[in-house]
Amino acid sequence: MLESCRLEKGKPIELEYRYYISSKALSAEQAAIAVREHWGIESMHWVLDVSMGEDACQIYNAHGAENL
């Protein structure tokens, strides 16, 4: 479990809990590194998706891949 606290001027404190599952026993530092690396990859996927419009691609509808 990861506890995240966000403080912004003029706003109430936001406290969030995130849960991660792993088959490997990790120290807190190792878990933090693994989470940061995972979100680094996910953010890259989001940038590619937005810049290249992958969600707008119609290849995955019906027989689009075969037709392509």
PDB file of N, CA and C in Angstrom:
ATOM      1  N   MET A   1       0.842  -1.165   0.000  1.00  0.00           N
ATOM      2  CA  MET A   1       0.000   0.000   0.000  1.00  0.00           C
ATOM      3  C   MET A   1       0.895   1.239   0.000  1.00  0.00           C
ATOM      4  N   LEU A   2       0.490   2.214  -0.772  1.00  0.00           N
ATOM      5  CA  LEU A   2       1.214   3.468  -0.850  1.00  0.00           C
ATOM      6  C   LEU A   2       0.287   4.586  -0.404  1.00  0.00           C
ATOM      7  N   GLU A   3       0.756   5.419   0.500  1.00  0.00           N
ATOM      8  CA  GLU A   3      -0.032   6.546   0.978  1.00  0.00           C
ATOM      9  C   GLU A   3       0.524   7.811   0.336  1.00  0.00           C
ATOM     10  N   SER A   4      -0.354   8.593  -0.285  1.00  0.00           N
ATOM     11  CA  SER A   4       0.063   9.802  -0.974  1.00  0.00           C
ATOM     12  C   SER A   4      -0.705  10.988  -0.386  1.00  0.00           C
ATOM     13  N   CYS A   5       0.016  12.031  -0.051  1.00  0.00           N
ATOM     14  CA  CYS A   5      -0.592  13.227   0.531  1.00  0.00           C
ATOM     15  C   CYS A   5      -0.261  14.414  -0.365  1.00  0.00           C
ATOM     16  N   ARG A   6      -1.290  15.194  -0.721  1.00  0.00           N
ATOM     17  CA  ARG A   6      -1.079  16.358  -1.578  1.00  0.00           C
ATOM     18  C   ARG A   6      -1.529  17.616  -0.837  1.00  0.00           C
ATOM     19  N   LEU A   7      -0.640  18.602  -0.784  1.00  0.00           N
ATOM     20  CA  LEU A   7      -0.930  19.881  -0.149  1.00  0.00           C
ATOM     21  C   LEU A   7      -0.899  20.979  -1.202  1.00  0.00           C
ATOM     22  N   GLU A   8      -2.004  21.697  -1.335  1.00  0.00           N
ATOM     23  CA  GLU A   8      -2.055  22.846  -2.235  1.00  0.00           C
ATOM     24  C   GLU A   8      -2.625  24.024  -1.471  1.00  0.00           C
ATOM     25  N   LYS A   9      -2.048  25.172  -1.704  1.00  0.00           N
ATOM     26  CA  LYS A   9      -2.478  26.381  -1.007  1.00  0.00           C
ATOM     27  C   LYS A   9      -3.944  26.677  -1.317  1.00  0.00           C
ATOM     28  N   GLY A  10      -4.726  26.896  -0.282  1.00  0.00           N
ATOM     29  CA  GLY A  10      -6.134  27.247  -0.450  1.00  0.00           C
ATOM     30  C   GLY A  10      -7.050  26.063  -0.702  1.00  0.00           C
ATOM     31  N   LYS A  11      -6.518  24.840  -0.659  1.00  0.00           N
ATOM     32  CA  LYS A  11      -7.332  23.643  -0.886  1.00  0.00           C
ATOM     33  C   LYS A  11      -7.167  22.689   0.294  1.00  0.00           C
ATOM     34  N   PRO A  12      -8.177  21.857   0.521  1.00  0.00           N
ATOM     35  CA  PRO A  12      -8.023  20.883   1.614  1.00  0.00           C
ATOM     36  C   PRO A  12      -6.969  19.830   1.269  1.00  0.00           C
ATOM     37  N   ILE A  13      -6.391  19.235   2.289  1.00  0.00           N
ATOM     38  CA  ILE A  13      -5.380  18.196   2.093  1.00  0.00           C
ATOM     39  C   ILE A  13      -6.031  16.977   1.449  1.00  0.00           C
ATOM     40  N   GLU A  14      -5.388  16.443   0.414  1.00  0.00           N
ATOM     41  CA  GLU A  14      -5.877  15.231  -0.249  1.00  0.00           C
ATOM     42  C   GLU A  14      -5.004  14.063   0.189  1.00  0.00           C
ATOM     43  N   LEU A  15      -5.645  13.028   0.698  1.00  0.00           N
ATOM     44  CA  LEU A  15      -4.941  11.828   1.108  1.00  0.00           C
ATOM     45  C   LEU A  15      -5.461  10.677   0.261  1.00  0.00           C
ATOM     46  N   GLU A  16      -4.548   9.937  -0.363  1.00  0.00           N
ATOM     47  CA  GLU A  16      -4.934   8.856  -1.268  1.00  0.00           C
ATOM     48  C   GLU A  16      -4.132   7.605  -0.941  1.00  0.00           C
ATOM     49  N   TYR A  17      -4.800   6.464  -1.017  1.00  0.00           N
ATOM     50  CA  TYR A  17      -4.143   5.176  -0.809  1.00  0.00           C
ATOM     51  C   TYR A  17      -4.158   4.403  -2.113  1.00  0.00           C
ATOM     52  N   ARG A  18      -3.021   3.841  -2.476  1.00  0.00           N
ATOM     53  CA  ARG A  18      -2.932   3.014  -3.677  1.00  0.00           C
ATOM     54  C   ARG A  18      -2.379   1.655  -3.279  1.00  0.00           C
ATOM     55  N   TYR A  19      -2.964   0.626  -3.859  1.00  0.00           N
ATOM     56  CA  TYR A  19      -2.563  -0.734  -3.533  1.00  0.00           C
ATOM     57  C   TYR A  19      -1.913  -1.386  -4.741  1.00  0.00           C
ATOM     58  N   TYR A  20      -0.827  -2.092  -4.519  1.00  0.00           N
ATOM     59  CA  TYR A  20      -0.107  -2.781  -5.579  1.00  0.00           C
ATOM     60  C   TYR A  20       0.078  -4.236  -5.174  1.00  0.00           C
ATOM     61  N   ILE A  21       0.022  -5.119  -6.143  1.00  0.00           N
ATOM     62  CA  ILE A  21       0.203  -6.543  -5.897  1.00  0.00           C
ATOM     63  C   ILE A  21       1.496  -6.987  -6.579  1.00  0.00           C
ATOM     64  N   SER A  22       2.289  -7.727  -5.850  1.00  0.00           N
ATOM     65  CA  SER A  22       3.536  -8.243  -6.406  1.00  0.00           C
ATOM     66  C   SER A  22       3.817  -9.623  -5.824  1.00  0.00           C
ATOM     67  N   SER A  23       4.379 -10.476  -6.631  1.00  0.00           N
ATOM     68  CA  SER A  23       4.753 -11.803  -6.147  1.00  0.00           C
ATOM     69  C   SER A  23       6.143 -11.781  -5.520  1.00  0.00           C
ATOM     70  N   LYS A  24       6.823 -10.669  -5.639  1.00  0.00           N
ATOM     71  CA  LYS A  24       8.177 -10.547  -5.095  1.00  0.00           C
ATOM     72  C   LYS A  24       8.147  -9.721  -3.812  1.00  0.00           C
ATOM     73  N   ALA A  25       8.880 -10.171  -2.822  1.00  0.00           N
ATOM     74  CA  ALA A  25       8.995  -9.407  -1.577  1.00  0.00           C
ATOM     75  C   ALA A  25       9.935  -8.226  -1.827  1.00  0.00           C
ATOM     76  N   LEU A  26       9.422  -7.006  -1.646  1.00  0.00           N
ATOM     77  CA  LEU A  26      10.198  -5.796  -1.920  1.00  0.00           C
ATOM     78  C   LEU A  26      10.278  -4.922  -0.679  1.00  0.00           C
ATOM     79  N   SER A  27      11.394  -4.223  -0.557  1.00  0.00           N
ATOM     80  CA  SER A  27      11.489  -3.201   0.487  1.00  0.00           C
ATOM     81  C   SER A  27      10.680  -1.995   0.020  1.00  0.00           C
ATOM     82  N   ALA A  28      10.454  -1.052   0.907  1.00  0.00           N
ATOM     83  CA  ALA A  28       9.705   0.151   0.544  1.00  0.00           C
ATOM     84  C   ALA A  28      10.395   0.911  -0.584  1.00  0.00           C
ATOM     85  N   GLU A  29      11.717   0.986  -0.529  1.00  0.00           N
ATOM     86  CA  GLU A  29      12.470   1.699  -1.565  1.00  0.00           C
ATOM     87  C   GLU A  29      12.366   0.984  -2.916  1.00  0.00           C
ATOM     88  N   GLN A  30      12.491  -0.340  -2.907  1.00  0.00           N
ATOM     89  CA  GLN A  30      12.376  -1.108  -4.151  1.00  0.00           C
ATOM     90  C   GLN A  30      10.973  -0.986  -4.747  1.00  0.00           C
ATOM     91  N   ALA A  31       9.952  -1.014  -3.898  1.00  0.00           N
ATOM     92  CA  ALA A  31       8.572  -0.876  -4.375  1.00  0.00           C
ATOM     93  C   ALA A  31       8.360   0.501  -4.991  1.00  0.00           C
ATOM     94  N   ALA A  32       8.889   1.535  -4.356  1.00  0.00           N
ATOM     95  CA  ALA A  32       8.749   2.893  -4.884  1.00  0.00           C
ATOM     96  C   ALA A  32       9.409   3.020  -6.252  1.00  0.00           C
ATOM     97  N   ILE A  33      10.578   2.435  -6.413  1.00  0.00           N
ATOM     98  CA  ILE A  33      11.290   2.470  -7.701  1.00  0.00           C
ATOM     99  C   ILE A  33      10.477   1.743  -8.766  1.00  0.00           C
ATOM    100  N   ALA A  34       9.938   0.570  -8.420  1.00  0.00           N
ATOM    101  CA  ALA A  34       9.150  -0.208  -9.378  1.00  0.00           C
ATOM    102  C   ALA A  34       7.895   0.558  -9.817  1.00  0.00           C
ATOM    103  N   VAL A  35       7.233   1.219  -8.878  1.00  0.00           N
ATOM    104  CA  VAL A  35       6.030   1.990  -9.206  1.00  0.00           C
ATOM    105  C   VAL A  35       6.373   3.161 -10.121  1.00  0.00           C
ATOM    106  N   ARG A  36       7.446   3.871  -9.808  1.00  0.00           N
ATOM    107  CA  ARG A  36       7.857   5.004 -10.652  1.00  0.00           C
ATOM    108  C   ARG A  36       8.216   4.553 -12.061  1.00  0.00           C
ATOM    109  N   GLU A  37       8.916   3.429 -12.171  1.00  0.00           N
ATOM    110  CA  GLU A  37       9.275   2.916 -13.495  1.00  0.00           C
ATOM    111  C   GLU A  37       8.037   2.516 -14.285  1.00  0.00           C
ATOM    112  N   HIS A  38       7.067   1.891 -13.606  1.00  0.00           N
ATOM    113  CA  HIS A  38       5.836   1.487 -14.281  1.00  0.00           C
ATOM    114  C   HIS A  38       5.091   2.706 -14.822  1.00  0.00           C
ATOM    115  N   TRP A  39       4.934   3.740 -14.011  1.00  0.00           N
ATOM    116  CA  TRP A  39       4.195   4.920 -14.462  1.00  0.00           C
ATOM    117  C   TRP A  39       4.971   5.715 -15.494  1.00  0.00           C
ATOM    118  N   GLY A  40       6.289   5.599 -15.511  1.00  0.00           N
ATOM    119  CA  GLY A  40       7.081   6.215 -16.574  1.00  0.00           C
ATOM    120  C   GLY A  40       6.730   5.596 -17.918  1.00  0.00           C
ATOM    121  N   ILE A  41       6.546   4.279 -17.936  1.00  0.00           N
ATOM    122  CA  ILE A  41       6.161   3.586 -19.172  1.00  0.00           C
ATOM    123  C   ILE A  41       4.726   3.927 -19.546  1.00  0.00           C
ATOM    124  N   GLU A  42       3.815   3.930 -18.559  1.00  0.00           N
ATOM    125  CA  GLU A  42       2.411   4.241 -18.837  1.00  0.00           C
ATOM    126  C   GLU A  42       2.251   5.658 -19.383  1.00  0.00           C
ATOM    127  N   SER A  43       3.006   6.609 -18.852  1.00  0.00           N
ATOM    128  CA  SER A  43       2.881   7.984 -19.341  1.00  0.00           C
ATOM    129  C   SER A  43       3.390   8.089 -20.777  1.00  0.00           C
ATOM    130  N   MET A  44       4.417   7.295 -21.121  1.00  0.00           N
ATOM    131  CA  MET A  44       4.901   7.276 -22.507  1.00  0.00           C
ATOM    132  C   MET A  44       3.816   6.728 -23.433  1.00  0.00           C
ATOM    133  N   HIS A  45       3.109   5.667 -22.989  1.00  0.00           N
ATOM    134  CA  HIS A  45       2.021   5.125 -23.798  1.00  0.00           C
ATOM    135  C   HIS A  45       0.924   6.161 -24.009  1.00  0.00           C
ATOM    136  N   TRP A  46       0.632   6.939 -22.970  1.00  0.00           N
ATOM    137  CA  TRP A  46      -0.402   7.968 -23.092  1.00  0.00           C
ATOM    138  C   TRP A  46       0.025   9.026 -24.114  1.00  0.00           C
ATOM    139  N   VAL A  47       1.278   9.457 -24.063  1.00  0.00           N
ATOM    140  CA  VAL A  47       1.767  10.454 -25.015  1.00  0.00           C
ATOM    141  C   VAL A  47       1.667   9.918 -26.438  1.00  0.00           C
ATOM    142  N   LEU A  48       2.074   8.678 -26.652  1.00  0.00           N
ATOM    143  CA  LEU A  48       1.970   8.089 -27.989  1.00  0.00           C
ATOM    144  C   LEU A  48       0.518   7.996 -28.431  1.00  0.00           C
ATOM    145  N   ASP A  49      -0.348   7.625 -27.526  1.00  0.00           N
ATOM    146  CA  ASP A  49      -1.762   7.482 -27.844  1.00  0.00           C
ATOM    147  C   ASP A  49      -2.360   8.822 -28.267  1.00  0.00           C
ATOM    148  N   VAL A  50      -2.031   9.867 -27.540  1.00  0.00           N
ATOM    149  CA  VAL A  50      -2.570  11.197 -27.845  1.00  0.00           C
ATOM    150  C   VAL A  50      -1.942  11.759 -29.117  1.00  0.00           C
ATOM    151  N   SER A  51      -0.625  11.652 -29.254  1.00  0.00           N
ATOM    152  CA  SER A  51       0.039  12.264 -30.401  1.00  0.00           C
ATOM    153  C   SER A  51      -0.204  11.505 -31.702  1.00  0.00           C
ATOM    154  N   MET A  52      -0.357  10.192 -31.624  1.00  0.00           N
ATOM    155  CA  MET A  52      -0.549   9.401 -32.842  1.00  0.00           C
ATOM    156  C   MET A  52      -1.998   8.966 -33.040  1.00  0.00           C
ATOM    157  N   GLY A  53      -2.855   9.305 -32.097  1.00  0.00           N
ATOM    158  CA  GLY A  53      -4.274   9.012 -32.242  1.00  0.00           C
ATOM    159  C   GLY A  53      -4.590   7.525 -32.311  1.00  0.00           C
ATOM    160  N   GLU A  54      -3.894   6.722 -31.507  1.00  0.00           N
ATOM    161  CA  GLU A  54      -4.114   5.280 -31.557  1.00  0.00           C
ATOM    162  C   GLU A  54      -5.538   4.887 -31.187  1.00  0.00           C
ATOM    163  N   ASP A  55      -6.183   5.623 -30.286  1.00  0.00           N
ATOM    164  CA  ASP A  55      -7.553   5.294 -29.904  1.00  0.00           C
ATOM    165  C   ASP A  55      -8.526   5.521 -31.050  1.00  0.00           C
ATOM    166  N   ALA A  56      -8.176   6.407 -31.959  1.00  0.00           N
ATOM    167  CA  ALA A  56      -9.057   6.699 -33.090  1.00  0.00           C
ATOM    168  C   ALA A  56      -8.895   5.682 -34.218  1.00  0.00           C
ATOM    169  N   CYS A  57      -7.923   4.800 -34.114  1.00  0.00           N
ATOM    170  CA  CYS A  57      -7.662   3.802 -35.154  1.00  0.00           C
ATOM    171  C   CYS A  57      -8.816   2.812 -35.240  1.00  0.00           C
ATOM    172  N   GLN A  58      -9.310   2.574 -36.437  1.00  0.00           N
ATOM    173  CA  GLN A  58     -10.460   1.699 -36.643  1.00  0.00           C
ATOM    174  C   GLN A  58     -10.068   0.269 -37.024  1.00  0.00           C
ATOM    175  N   ILE A  59      -8.781  -0.036 -37.023  1.00  0.00           N
ATOM    176  CA  ILE A  59      -8.318  -1.361 -37.426  1.00  0.00           C
ATOM    177  C   ILE A  59      -8.919  -2.457 -36.542  1.00  0.00           C
ATOM    178  N   TYR A  60      -9.147  -2.153 -35.270  1.00  0.00           N
ATOM    179  CA  TYR A  60      -9.590  -3.168 -34.326  1.00  0.00           C
ATOM    180  C   TYR A  60     -11.093  -3.425 -34.385  1.00  0.00           C
ATOM    181  N   ASN A  61     -11.836  -2.665 -35.168  1.00  0.00           N
ATOM    182  CA  ASN A  61     -13.267  -2.886 -35.308  1.00  0.00           C
ATOM    183  C   ASN A  61     -13.526  -3.989 -36.319  1.00  0.00           C
ATOM    184  N   ALA A  62     -14.355  -4.929 -35.944  1.00  0.00           N
ATOM    185  CA  ALA A  62     -14.807  -6.023 -36.819  1.00  0.00           C
ATOM    186  C   ALA A  62     -13.616  -6.690 -37.524  1.00  0.00           C
ATOM    187  N   HIS A  63     -13.551  -6.603 -38.859  1.00  0.00           N
ATOM    188  CA  HIS A  63     -12.507  -7.262 -39.647  1.00  0.00           C
ATOM    189  C   HIS A  63     -11.489  -6.264 -40.169  1.00  0.00           C
ATOM    190  N   GLY A  64     -11.336  -5.123 -39.495  1.00  0.00           N
ATOM    191  CA  GLY A  64     -10.422  -4.075 -39.964  1.00  0.00           C
ATOM    192  C   GLY A  64      -8.999  -4.543 -40.136  1.00  0.00           C
ATOM    193  N   ALA A  65      -8.482  -5.346 -39.212  1.00  0.00           N
ATOM    194  CA  ALA A  65      -7.100  -5.812 -39.300  1.00  0.00           C
ATOM    195  C   ALA A  65      -6.910  -6.703 -40.517  1.00  0.00           C
ATOM    196  N   GLU A  66      -7.887  -7.547 -40.808  1.00  0.00           N
ATOM    197  CA  GLU A  66      -7.796  -8.416 -41.989  1.00  0.00           C
ATOM    198  C   GLU A  66      -7.847  -7.576 -43.266  1.00  0.00           C
ATOM    199  N   ASN A  67      -8.709  -6.579 -43.288  1.00  0.00           N
ATOM    200  CA  ASN A  67      -8.847  -5.721 -44.463  1.00  0.00           C
ATOM    201  C   ASN A  67      -7.597  -4.895 -44.719  1.00  0.00           C
ATOM    202  N   LEU A  68      -6.911  -4.509 -43.616  1.00  0.00           N
ATOM    203  CA  LEU A  68      -5.718  -3.689 -43.761  1.00  0.00           C
ATOM    204  C   LEU A  68      -4.613  -4.506 -44.412  1.00  0.00           C
TER     205      LEU A  68
END
